[in-house]
């Protein structure tokens, strides 16, 4: 244990966050996301939800101020009647650490393609549908 480091962040995840450079992206994925299919670098956070991981990460990771959209969400598939209420929680968490952040909506299969070039995917046990989020690392 270390002072000031959220205990939910494993040593493996802290190492990944430290290794990432400016502009690298990390995905916090819900329990349905095909993480191992889309990345060779997957960090398991079983038993945790995306919101709590997001909150812990944003205590340490700056979002990219030079990007128009430093955060991205997987948009709802047309015709799907799901209303992702978890998105409001994400916005509240982000607002605790960053101001005036614009969020990009990414079509499902484009999101999968983008995940293949992400630095890593954090696989959670999140049950909320469309609970996936991309964070673009900024500078300190």
Protein backbone atom coordinates (compact mmCIF):
# COMPACT_ATOMS: atom_id res chain seq x y z
CA UNK A 1 0.00 0.00 0.00
CA UNK A 2 1.08 3.55 -0.69
CA UNK A 3 -0.20 6.85 0.59
CA UNK A 4 -2.44 8.73 -1.81
CA UNK A 5 -2.85 5.83 -4.26
CA UNK A 6 -6.39 4.42 -4.47
CA UNK A 7 -6.21 0.82 -3.24
CA UNK A 8 -8.44 -0.33 -6.10
CA UNK A 9 -5.54 0.30 -8.51
CA UNK A 10 -3.39 -2.81 -8.72
CA UNK A 11 0.38 -2.64 -9.19
CA UNK A 12 -0.13 -3.90 -12.75
CA UNK A 13 -2.59 -1.12 -13.54
CA UNK A 14 -0.37 1.55 -11.94
CA UNK A 15 2.52 0.34 -14.12
CA UNK A 16 0.34 0.62 -17.25
CA UNK A 17 -0.76 4.16 -16.33
CA UNK A 18 2.87 5.16 -15.77
CA UNK A 19 4.02 3.61 -19.07
CA UNK A 20 1.39 5.42 -21.12
CA UNK A 21 2.51 8.52 -22.97
CA UNK A 22 0.72 11.68 -24.05
CA UNK A 23 -2.10 10.77 -26.43
CA UNK A 24 -2.18 7.07 -25.53
CA UNK A 25 -5.65 5.71 -24.87
CA UNK A 26 -6.87 3.27 -22.26
CA UNK A 27 -10.27 1.62 -22.22
CA UNK A 28 -12.25 0.78 -19.12
CA UNK A 29 -14.56 -1.95 -20.37
CA UNK A 30 -17.80 -3.40 -19.06
CA UNK A 31 -18.23 -7.11 -18.40
CA UNK A 32 -19.56 -7.81 -21.90
CA UNK A 33 -16.67 -6.20 -23.80
CA UNK A 34 -14.43 -8.58 -25.80
CA UNK A 35 -11.24 -7.31 -24.13
CA UNK A 36 -8.98 -10.28 -24.85
CA UNK A 37 -10.13 -10.37 -28.47
CA UNK A 38 -9.17 -6.72 -28.98
CA UNK A 39 -5.95 -6.32 -27.00
CA UNK A 40 -2.88 -8.23 -25.92
CA UNK A 41 -2.63 -5.98 -22.85
CA UNK A 42 -5.65 -6.64 -20.62
CA UNK A 43 -5.81 -5.78 -16.93
CA UNK A 44 -8.47 -7.68 -14.98
CA UNK A 45 -10.45 -5.75 -12.37
CA UNK A 46 -13.01 -8.42 -11.60
CA UNK A 47 -15.55 -7.53 -8.97
CA UNK A 48 -15.34 -3.81 -9.71
CA UNK A 49 -17.44 -1.47 -11.84
CA UNK A 50 -16.30 1.05 -14.40
CA UNK A 51 -17.31 4.09 -12.32
CA UNK A 52 -15.13 3.20 -9.35
CA UNK A 53 -12.15 2.38 -11.59
CA UNK A 54 -12.71 5.63 -13.53
CA UNK A 55 -12.75 7.62 -10.29
CA UNK A 56 -9.50 6.04 -9.07
CA UNK A 57 -7.71 6.49 -12.41
CA UNK A 58 -8.69 10.14 -12.80
CA UNK A 59 -7.08 10.89 -9.42
CA UNK A 60 -3.76 10.15 -11.16
CA UNK A 61 -4.21 10.36 -14.94
CA UNK A 62 -4.62 13.75 -16.64
CA UNK A 63 -6.90 13.85 -19.68
CA UNK A 64 -5.50 15.30 -22.90
CA UNK A 65 -6.26 19.04 -23.06
CA UNK A 66 -5.09 19.20 -26.69
CA UNK A 67 -7.65 16.68 -27.93
CA UNK A 68 -11.14 17.82 -28.88
CA UNK A 69 -12.52 14.64 -27.30
CA UNK A 70 -10.28 13.22 -24.54
CA UNK A 71 -13.12 10.87 -23.54
CA UNK A 72 -15.20 8.57 -25.74
CA UNK A 73 -18.20 6.33 -25.14
CA UNK A 74 -19.67 3.51 -27.21
CA UNK A 75 -22.88 4.86 -28.72
CA UNK A 76 -26.10 2.88 -28.52
CA UNK A 77 -26.75 0.67 -31.55
CA UNK A 78 -29.62 2.13 -33.62
CA UNK A 79 -32.86 0.45 -32.65
CA UNK A 80 -31.57 -0.68 -29.27
CA UNK A 81 -33.92 0.62 -26.60
CA UNK A 82 -31.22 0.81 -23.90
CA UNK A 83 -30.76 4.14 -22.13
CA UNK A 84 -27.27 4.07 -20.56
CA UNK A 85 -27.91 5.92 -17.31
CA UNK A 86 -24.35 5.07 -16.22
CA UNK A 87 -23.11 7.78 -18.61
CA UNK A 88 -24.40 10.43 -16.21
CA UNK A 89 -22.31 8.88 -13.44
CA UNK A 90 -19.25 8.99 -15.72
CA UNK A 91 -19.86 12.68 -16.41
CA UNK A 92 -20.11 13.39 -12.68
CA UNK A 93 -16.87 11.51 -11.97
CA UNK A 94 -15.02 13.26 -14.81
CA UNK A 95 -16.27 16.67 -13.63
CA UNK A 96 -14.63 16.07 -10.21
CA UNK A 97 -11.21 16.08 -11.87
CA UNK A 98 -11.49 17.87 -15.22
CA UNK A 99 -13.56 20.83 -16.43
CA UNK A 100 -15.34 21.32 -19.76
CA UNK A 101 -14.50 17.89 -21.16
CA UNK A 102 -16.21 17.02 -24.44
CA UNK A 103 -17.23 13.40 -24.87
CA UNK A 104 -17.16 11.69 -28.25
CA UNK A 105 -19.74 9.06 -29.18
CA UNK A 106 -18.24 6.18 -31.17
CA UNK A 107 -20.21 3.62 -33.17
CA UNK A 108 -19.95 0.08 -31.71
CA UNK A 109 -17.72 -1.52 -34.35
CA UNK A 110 -15.59 1.62 -34.68
CA UNK A 111 -15.14 1.45 -30.90
CA UNK A 112 -13.92 -2.16 -31.23
CA UNK A 113 -11.46 -1.14 -33.94
CA UNK A 114 -10.20 1.75 -31.85
CA UNK A 115 -9.74 -0.59 -28.88
CA UNK A 116 -7.24 -2.61 -30.94
CA UNK A 117 -4.88 0.38 -30.97
CA UNK A 118 -5.41 1.36 -27.33
CA UNK A 119 -2.51 1.03 -24.91
CA UNK A 120 -4.51 -1.36 -22.73
CA UNK A 121 -8.00 -2.49 -21.83
CA UNK A 122 -9.17 -2.71 -18.24
CA UNK A 123 -11.76 -5.48 -17.99
CA UNK A 124 -14.30 -4.94 -15.21
CA UNK A 125 -17.41 -6.72 -13.96
CA UNK A 126 -19.61 -3.76 -14.90
CA UNK A 127 -23.14 -4.96 -15.72
CA UNK A 128 -24.46 -1.74 -17.25
CA UNK A 129 -24.83 -2.01 -21.02
CA UNK A 130 -22.76 0.46 -23.07
CA UNK A 131 -20.56 0.97 -20.04
CA UNK A 132 -17.30 1.20 -22.00
CA UNK A 133 -15.21 4.35 -21.90
CA UNK A 134 -11.99 5.50 -23.59
CA UNK A 135 -9.61 7.93 -21.85
CA UNK A 136 -6.85 9.78 -23.73
CA UNK A 137 -3.86 10.57 -21.53
CA UNK A 138 -2.72 14.16 -21.29
CA UNK A 139 0.33 15.81 -19.79
CA UNK A 140 1.20 16.82 -16.24
